[in-house]
């Protein structure tokens, strides 16, 4: 849509387009967008052309030379998010447990805040121990879970790194320290909510990011 708008404003053809027009668009974006964004835009525009039955040479020298020039100026290294360390993780879980204990279970178990704390603990521990992406976490269905003697197997249907779309299984064992055990935290969440089908967390991937930021 952004490419089409750019072309309309400048009297250019967006569908089908040609390498020199796409190169101009990249130059237009380069002052405000990350290098990774430029590459995603090229891929998106190429896919739309294929869907519409048009061929677009995204490897054309005009495009590649422009990209190389932009990369030299901007650099391709992006600022990565700092990971949560084990020390940070333990501090977060301790805060959650202290709140739950303060509320006094089981009397306060049905309160919304306590419910969210139990959910947050399960999300954080499962996400950390399994190396899950946010999108993977929020798309876990109850039917994707298999509790076994050693812990739990979680089937991931869709993943950014799973180009073939076959899915994959992530196995998480029980931890010796029950306080930080992701399997026990997930079991507690499932028992608390009595979930037996569908999404186990029922939140968006953006909400996962906000939860982590809040505790951090």
Foldseek 3Di string as FASTA:
>chain_A
DVLVVVCVVVVADLAVHALLSLLVVLVVCLVPDALVVSVVVLVVSQVVNVVVPHHYDCVDPSNVVSSVVSCVVRPRDDDDDDDQDPVLLVVLLVVLVVVLVVVPPPVCLPPPVNLVSLLLLLLSLCCVQQVDQLQQQQQFKLVQWDADPFAIKGWGQDDPPCPVRPTDITDAGADPPNSSGNRNSLVVSCVSVVDDTTGSNPDHSVVNVVSVVVSD
